[in-house]
Amino acid sequence: MTSTTSMTIDIQDQYLLGRTSAEYQRLRAQALLWEVSTVRALQAIGIQEGMNCLEVGSGPGEVMRLLGTMVGPEGHVTGIDIDERLGEESLHILKTTIGPQFSFQALDLETLPTHLPNAPYDLVYARLTMIHLNNPVAVLRHLWSFVKPGGTLLIQDYDMSYVHTYPPTWATDEFERVLFQTFDISGKDYRMGSRMPGLFVEAGIGAPTNTDIYGLIEPFQKIYPMLVAVYRSLLPAALKMGVTTEQQSNRFLTELAEQAQNRTYYTGSWPLMIATWKQKVG
């Protein structure tokens, strides 16, 4: 059932990392990085064949792919994202390579309709979406309304305060400073994953059924390309906000590259990926 009636939510569409070809490539690499944690969370909530699922902020479609293989041809996966071009490209690939159990709708979380195609859902899922919102509580409340009785709302998001390298260097400290200050100034919370259980309660959903935390520590040379990609995607917003300058950013990129070539053994910690879920009684 569809409806043109909308529920306005106070969210600014200000995706800090941009909507460029380089950012799309980074998103696909990021999705593969967290695939193990996502499969673990989906198995924990009891994903089954034949389920009807919604992914919010479906982006490059990598989680839709996972969901589609898990629910099979008898199930269905609906993706929604504000980025219509990326969503339609992903949908074409999914239908061509896996099967017909996918659909996509270009929607802004600021004006989600009160009803969505194929709703209500056995699973409503979002990964790395809430961290980009100014009012996640309103969105959580709205998403909960799309979950059928017995279904589950599952949110996976970052706590980026755990990003660091050892031993510390000026370059990696500068990365953290630019990242955290840009999020702070924009009104977005880089600790979103750790806050999520409390936000469930604040949204009226109730205390989570459970949570799961997944983290990675890897050699710096392995995380270096992603650090550069994130920084370059974030840089236009950081420059506009006055968080950094062209001179500082050039120094950062030079010193980070030198660190990647240094014989000193550095390790890097990725953000924690925190899963929070709640099953609806019914």
Protein backbone atom coordinates (compact mmCIF):
# COMPACT_ATOMS: atom_id res chain seq x y z
CA MET A 1 0.00 0.00 0.00
CA THR A 2 1.35 3.44 -0.91
CA SER A 3 0.37 6.91 0.13
CA THR A 4 1.36 10.43 -0.80
CA THR A 5 0.87 11.55 2.80
CA SER A 6 4.25 12.45 4.32
CA MET A 7 5.59 12.75 7.83
CA THR A 8 8.07 15.63 8.05
CA ILE A 9 11.20 14.89 10.03
CA ASP A 10 13.70 17.60 10.95
CA ILE A 11 16.74 16.29 9.11
CA GLN A 12 19.12 18.20 6.86
CA ASP A 13 20.24 16.27 3.80
CA GLN A 14 23.92 17.01 4.36
CA TYR A 15 25.86 13.85 3.64
CA LEU A 16 29.29 15.11 4.68
CA LEU A 17 31.30 12.77 2.48
CA GLY A 18 29.89 13.93 -0.86
CA ARG A 19 28.25 12.14 -3.78
CA THR A 20 31.07 11.56 -6.24
CA SER A 21 32.33 8.57 -8.21
CA ALA A 22 35.26 8.30 -5.80
CA GLU A 23 32.87 8.26 -2.84
CA TYR A 24 30.72 5.56 -4.46
CA GLN A 25 33.86 3.46 -4.92
CA ARG A 26 34.78 4.03 -1.28
CA LEU A 27 31.29 2.99 -0.15
CA ARG A 28 31.58 -0.31 -2.01
CA ALA A 29 34.97 -1.02 -0.43
CA GLN A 30 33.58 -0.08 3.00
CA ALA A 31 30.61 -2.42 2.53
CA LEU A 32 32.90 -5.38 1.87
CA LEU A 33 35.00 -4.50 4.93
CA TRP A 34 31.97 -4.86 7.23
CA GLU A 35 30.32 -7.83 5.52
CA VAL A 36 31.35 -10.29 8.25
CA SER A 37 29.85 -8.11 10.98
CA THR A 38 26.65 -7.67 8.99
CA VAL A 39 26.19 -11.38 8.33
CA ARG A 40 26.80 -12.05 12.04
CA ALA A 41 24.13 -9.54 13.07
CA LEU A 42 21.63 -10.84 10.51
CA GLN A 43 22.15 -14.40 11.70
CA ALA A 44 21.75 -13.27 15.32
CA ILE A 45 18.31 -11.78 14.63
CA GLY A 46 17.22 -14.95 12.83
CA ILE A 47 17.07 -13.96 9.16
CA GLN A 48 15.24 -16.66 7.18
CA GLU A 49 14.21 -17.52 3.65
CA GLY A 50 10.99 -15.88 2.54
CA MET A 51 11.33 -12.78 4.74
CA ASN A 52 10.25 -9.34 3.57
CA CYS A 53 13.02 -6.81 4.27
CA LEU A 54 13.61 -3.06 4.02
CA GLU A 55 17.08 -1.53 3.86
CA VAL A 56 17.21 2.18 4.69
CA GLY A 57 20.08 4.03 3.03
CA SER A 58 20.81 1.16 0.64
CA GLY A 59 23.60 3.02 -1.19
CA PRO A 60 25.67 0.69 -3.41
CA GLY A 61 23.38 -2.27 -2.69
CA GLU A 62 25.88 -4.54 -0.95
CA VAL A 63 23.64 -5.22 2.05
CA MET A 64 20.66 -5.68 -0.28
CA ARG A 65 22.76 -8.36 -1.99
CA LEU A 66 23.38 -10.13 1.33
CA LEU A 67 19.73 -9.91 2.31
CA GLY A 68 18.60 -11.13 -1.10
CA THR A 69 20.74 -14.25 -0.92
CA MET A 70 19.54 -14.96 2.63
CA VAL A 71 15.80 -14.53 2.01
CA GLY A 72 15.96 -16.21 -1.41
CA PRO A 73 13.55 -15.89 -4.34
CA GLU A 74 10.52 -16.34 -2.09
CA GLY A 75 11.51 -13.30 -0.04
CA HIS A 76 11.79 -9.65 -1.00
CA VAL A 77 14.24 -6.80 -0.33
CA THR A 78 13.24 -3.17 -0.76
CA GLY A 79 15.98 -0.55 -0.75
CA ILE A 80 15.44 3.16 -0.17
CA ASP A 81 18.03 5.90 -0.57
CA ILE A 82 18.07 9.59 -1.44
CA ASP A 83 20.64 8.90 -4.18
CA GLU A 84 18.48 7.75 -7.09
CA ARG A 85 21.30 7.22 -9.59
CA LEU A 86 23.30 4.98 -7.26
CA GLY A 87 20.18 3.10 -6.18
CA GLU A 88 18.98 2.38 -9.71
CA GLU A 89 22.45 1.24 -10.80
CA SER A 90 22.61 -1.10 -7.82
CA LEU A 91 19.12 -2.46 -8.50
CA HIS A 92 20.03 -3.29 -12.10
CA ILE A 93 23.13 -5.19 -10.97
CA LEU A 94 21.22 -7.10 -8.28
CA LYS A 95 18.40 -8.17 -10.60
CA THR A 96 20.87 -9.18 -13.29
CA THR A 97 23.22 -11.17 -11.07
CA ILE A 98 20.92 -12.60 -8.38
CA GLY A 99 17.23 -12.46 -9.24
CA PRO A 100 13.95 -10.54 -9.18
CA GLN A 101 13.52 -10.31 -5.39
CA PHE A 102 14.67 -6.68 -5.23
CA SER A 103 13.07 -3.26 -5.58
CA PHE A 104 14.29 0.28 -5.02
CA GLN A 105 12.65 3.61 -4.32
CA ALA A 106 14.39 6.98 -4.22
CA LEU A 107 13.23 8.61 -0.99
CA ASP A 108 14.50 11.33 1.32
CA LEU A 109 14.44 10.36 4.99
CA GLU A 110 13.25 13.89 5.69
CA THR A 111 9.93 13.18 3.97
CA LEU A 112 9.36 9.44 4.21
CA PRO A 113 5.76 8.52 3.38
CA THR A 114 3.65 7.02 6.13
CA HIS A 115 3.40 3.83 4.07
CA LEU A 116 6.00 2.11 1.89
CA PRO A 117 5.63 -0.56 -0.80
CA ASN A 118 5.52 -4.08 0.67
CA ALA A 119 5.22 -2.77 4.25
CA PRO A 120 5.10 -3.91 7.00
CA TYR A 121 8.42 -5.76 7.05
CA ASP A 122 9.92 -8.73 8.86
CA LEU A 123 13.16 -6.76 9.03
CA VAL A 124 13.91 -3.04 8.81
CA TYR A 125 17.66 -2.52 8.57
CA ALA A 126 20.03 0.45 8.35
CA ARG A 127 23.83 0.46 8.35
CA LEU A 128 25.88 3.65 8.61
CA THR A 129 22.80 5.77 7.99
CA MET A 130 21.89 7.20 11.40
CA ILE A 131 25.36 8.68 11.85
CA HIS A 132 24.63 11.10 9.00
CA LEU A 133 21.34 12.36 10.46
CA ASN A 134 20.70 15.36 12.68
CA ASN A 135 17.55 13.86 14.24
CA PRO A 136 18.01 10.07 14.42
CA VAL A 137 15.34 9.65 17.13
CA ALA A 138 12.58 10.85 14.80
CA VAL A 139 13.79 8.53 12.06
CA LEU A 140 14.02 5.53 14.41
CA ARG A 141 10.46 6.15 15.56
CA HIS A 142 9.32 6.25 11.95
CA LEU A 143 11.22 3.10 10.96
CA TRP A 144 9.76 1.21 13.93
CA SER A 145 6.29 1.85 12.50
CA PHE A 146 7.27 -0.15 9.39
CA VAL A 147 8.16 -3.29 11.42
CA LYS A 148 5.42 -5.93 11.54
CA PRO A 149 4.53 -7.65 14.83
CA GLY A 150 7.20 -10.28 15.42
CA GLY A 151 9.59 -8.43 13.11
CA THR A 152 12.88 -6.74 13.95
CA LEU A 153 14.47 -3.31 13.66
CA LEU A 154 18.25 -3.73 13.25
CA ILE A 155 20.63 -0.76 13.19
CA GLN A 156 24.39 -0.99 12.65
CA ASP A 157 26.47 2.14 13.07
CA TYR A 158 29.91 3.44 13.93
CA ASP A 159 31.49 4.66 17.09
CA MET A 160 34.36 6.51 15.42
CA SER A 161 35.96 7.59 18.69
CA TYR A 162 37.93 4.33 18.54
CA VAL A 163 39.75 5.33 15.33
CA HIS A 164 43.47 5.67 16.04
CA THR A 165 46.90 4.30 15.22
CA TYR A 166 49.67 3.01 17.40
CA PRO A 167 52.16 4.47 17.84
CA PRO A 168 50.32 7.79 17.38
CA THR A 169 51.58 10.34 14.84
CA TRP A 170 50.73 13.92 13.93
CA ALA A 171 49.05 12.75 10.71
CA THR A 172 46.68 10.30 12.35
CA ASP A 173 45.92 12.75 15.16
CA GLU A 174 45.10 15.32 12.47
CA PHE A 175 42.79 12.86 10.71
CA GLU A 176 40.85 12.35 13.93
CA ARG A 177 40.68 16.09 14.62
CA VAL A 178 39.30 16.94 11.17
CA LEU A 179 36.85 14.03 11.22
CA PHE A 180 35.48 14.69 14.70
CA GLN A 181 35.29 18.48 14.41
CA THR A 182 33.53 18.33 11.04
CA PHE A 183 30.91 15.98 12.44
CA ASP A 184 30.52 18.09 15.59
CA ILE A 185 30.03 21.35 13.68
CA SER A 186 27.49 19.72 11.35
CA GLY A 187 25.43 18.49 14.32
CA LYS A 188 26.11 14.82 13.66
CA ASP A 189 27.40 12.37 16.27
CA TYR A 190 30.45 10.29 15.39
CA ARG A 191 29.70 8.08 18.45
CA MET A 192 26.26 7.14 17.08
CA GLY A 193 26.71 3.38 17.42
CA SER A 194 27.36 3.54 21.17
CA ARG A 195 24.40 5.88 21.66
CA MET A 196 21.96 3.69 19.74
CA PRO A 197 20.53 1.62 22.66
CA GLY A 198 19.62 4.83 24.47
CA LEU A 199 18.16 6.31 21.30
CA PHE A 200 15.90 3.25 20.95
CA VAL A 201 14.50 4.03 24.39
CA GLU A 202 14.20 7.74 23.60
CA ALA A 203 12.30 6.93 20.41
CA GLY A 204 9.75 4.87 22.35
CA ILE A 205 10.97 1.57 20.89
CA GLY A 206 12.18 0.31 24.24
CA ALA A 207 15.41 -1.25 25.45
CA PRO A 208 17.09 -3.32 22.72
CA THR A 209 16.62 -7.06 22.52
CA ASN A 210 20.39 -7.31 22.13
CA THR A 211 23.54 -5.66 20.79
CA ASP A 212 26.74 -6.79 19.11
CA ILE A 213 30.12 -5.05 18.75
CA TYR A 214 32.61 -5.77 15.98
CA GLY A 215 36.08 -4.22 15.69
CA LEU A 216 39.22 -4.55 13.61
CA ILE A 217 42.89 -3.71 14.21
CA GLU A 218 45.05 -4.01 11.10
CA PRO A 219 48.48 -2.99 9.82
CA PHE A 220 48.49 0.69 8.93
CA GLN A 221 49.42 -0.02 5.31
CA LYS A 222 46.13 -1.87 4.94
CA ILE A 223 43.91 0.92 6.30
CA TYR A 224 45.87 3.74 4.64
CA PRO A 225 43.86 3.79 1.37
CA MET A 226 40.55 4.07 3.25
CA LEU A 227 41.86 6.87 5.49
CA VAL A 228 42.86 8.84 2.40
CA ALA A 229 39.53 8.16 0.70
CA VAL A 230 37.52 9.25 3.75
CA TYR A 231 39.63 12.38 4.19
CA ARG A 232 39.31 13.40 0.54
CA SER A 233 35.54 12.87 0.62
CA LEU A 234 35.25 14.87 3.85
CA LEU A 235 37.64 17.64 2.82
CA PRO A 236 35.24 19.96 0.93
CA ALA A 237 32.95 20.16 3.98
CA ALA A 238 35.91 20.56 6.37
CA LEU A 239 37.33 23.41 4.29
CA LYS A 240 33.96 25.12 4.07
CA MET A 241 33.54 24.91 7.86
CA GLY A 242 37.06 26.19 8.51
CA VAL A 243 38.14 22.99 10.24
CA THR A 244 41.28 22.81 8.09
CA THR A 245 43.05 24.66 5.28
CA GLU A 246 44.48 23.67 1.91
CA GLN A 247 47.98 24.00 3.37
CA GLN A 248 47.16 21.79 6.37
CA SER A 249 45.43 19.21 4.21
CA ASN A 250 48.38 18.99 1.82
CA ARG A 251 50.73 18.50 4.77
CA PHE A 252 48.42 15.82 6.17
CA LEU A 253 48.28 13.85 2.92
CA THR A 254 52.06 14.07 2.50
CA GLU A 255 52.84 12.93 6.04
CA LEU A 256 50.24 10.16 5.95
CA ALA A 257 51.79 8.80 2.74
CA GLU A 258 55.22 8.92 4.38
CA GLN A 259 53.84 7.03 7.38
CA ALA A 260 52.54 4.31 5.07
CA GLN A 261 56.07 3.87 3.68
CA ASN A 262 57.79 4.04 7.07
CA ARG A 263 59.53 0.90 8.32
CA THR A 264 58.04 1.44 11.77
CA TYR A 265 55.23 -1.07 12.34
CA TYR A 266 52.03 0.90 12.86
CA THR A 267 48.62 -0.58 13.58
CA GLY A 268 45.32 1.10 12.93
CA SER A 269 41.98 0.62 14.67
CA TRP A 270 38.84 0.90 12.59
CA PRO A 271 35.69 2.40 14.11
CA LEU A 272 33.64 -0.01 16.17
CA MET A 273 30.65 -1.34 14.25
CA ILE A 274 27.81 -1.65 16.77
CA ALA A 275 24.61 -3.55 16.02
CA THR A 276 21.47 -2.77 18.02
CA TRP A 277 18.18 -4.56 17.47
CA LYS A 278 14.69 -4.86 18.85
CA GLN A 279 12.01 -7.44 18.07
CA LYS A 280 8.47 -6.11 18.04
CA VAL A 281 6.05 -7.99 20.26
CA GLY A 282 3.14 -9.56 18.46
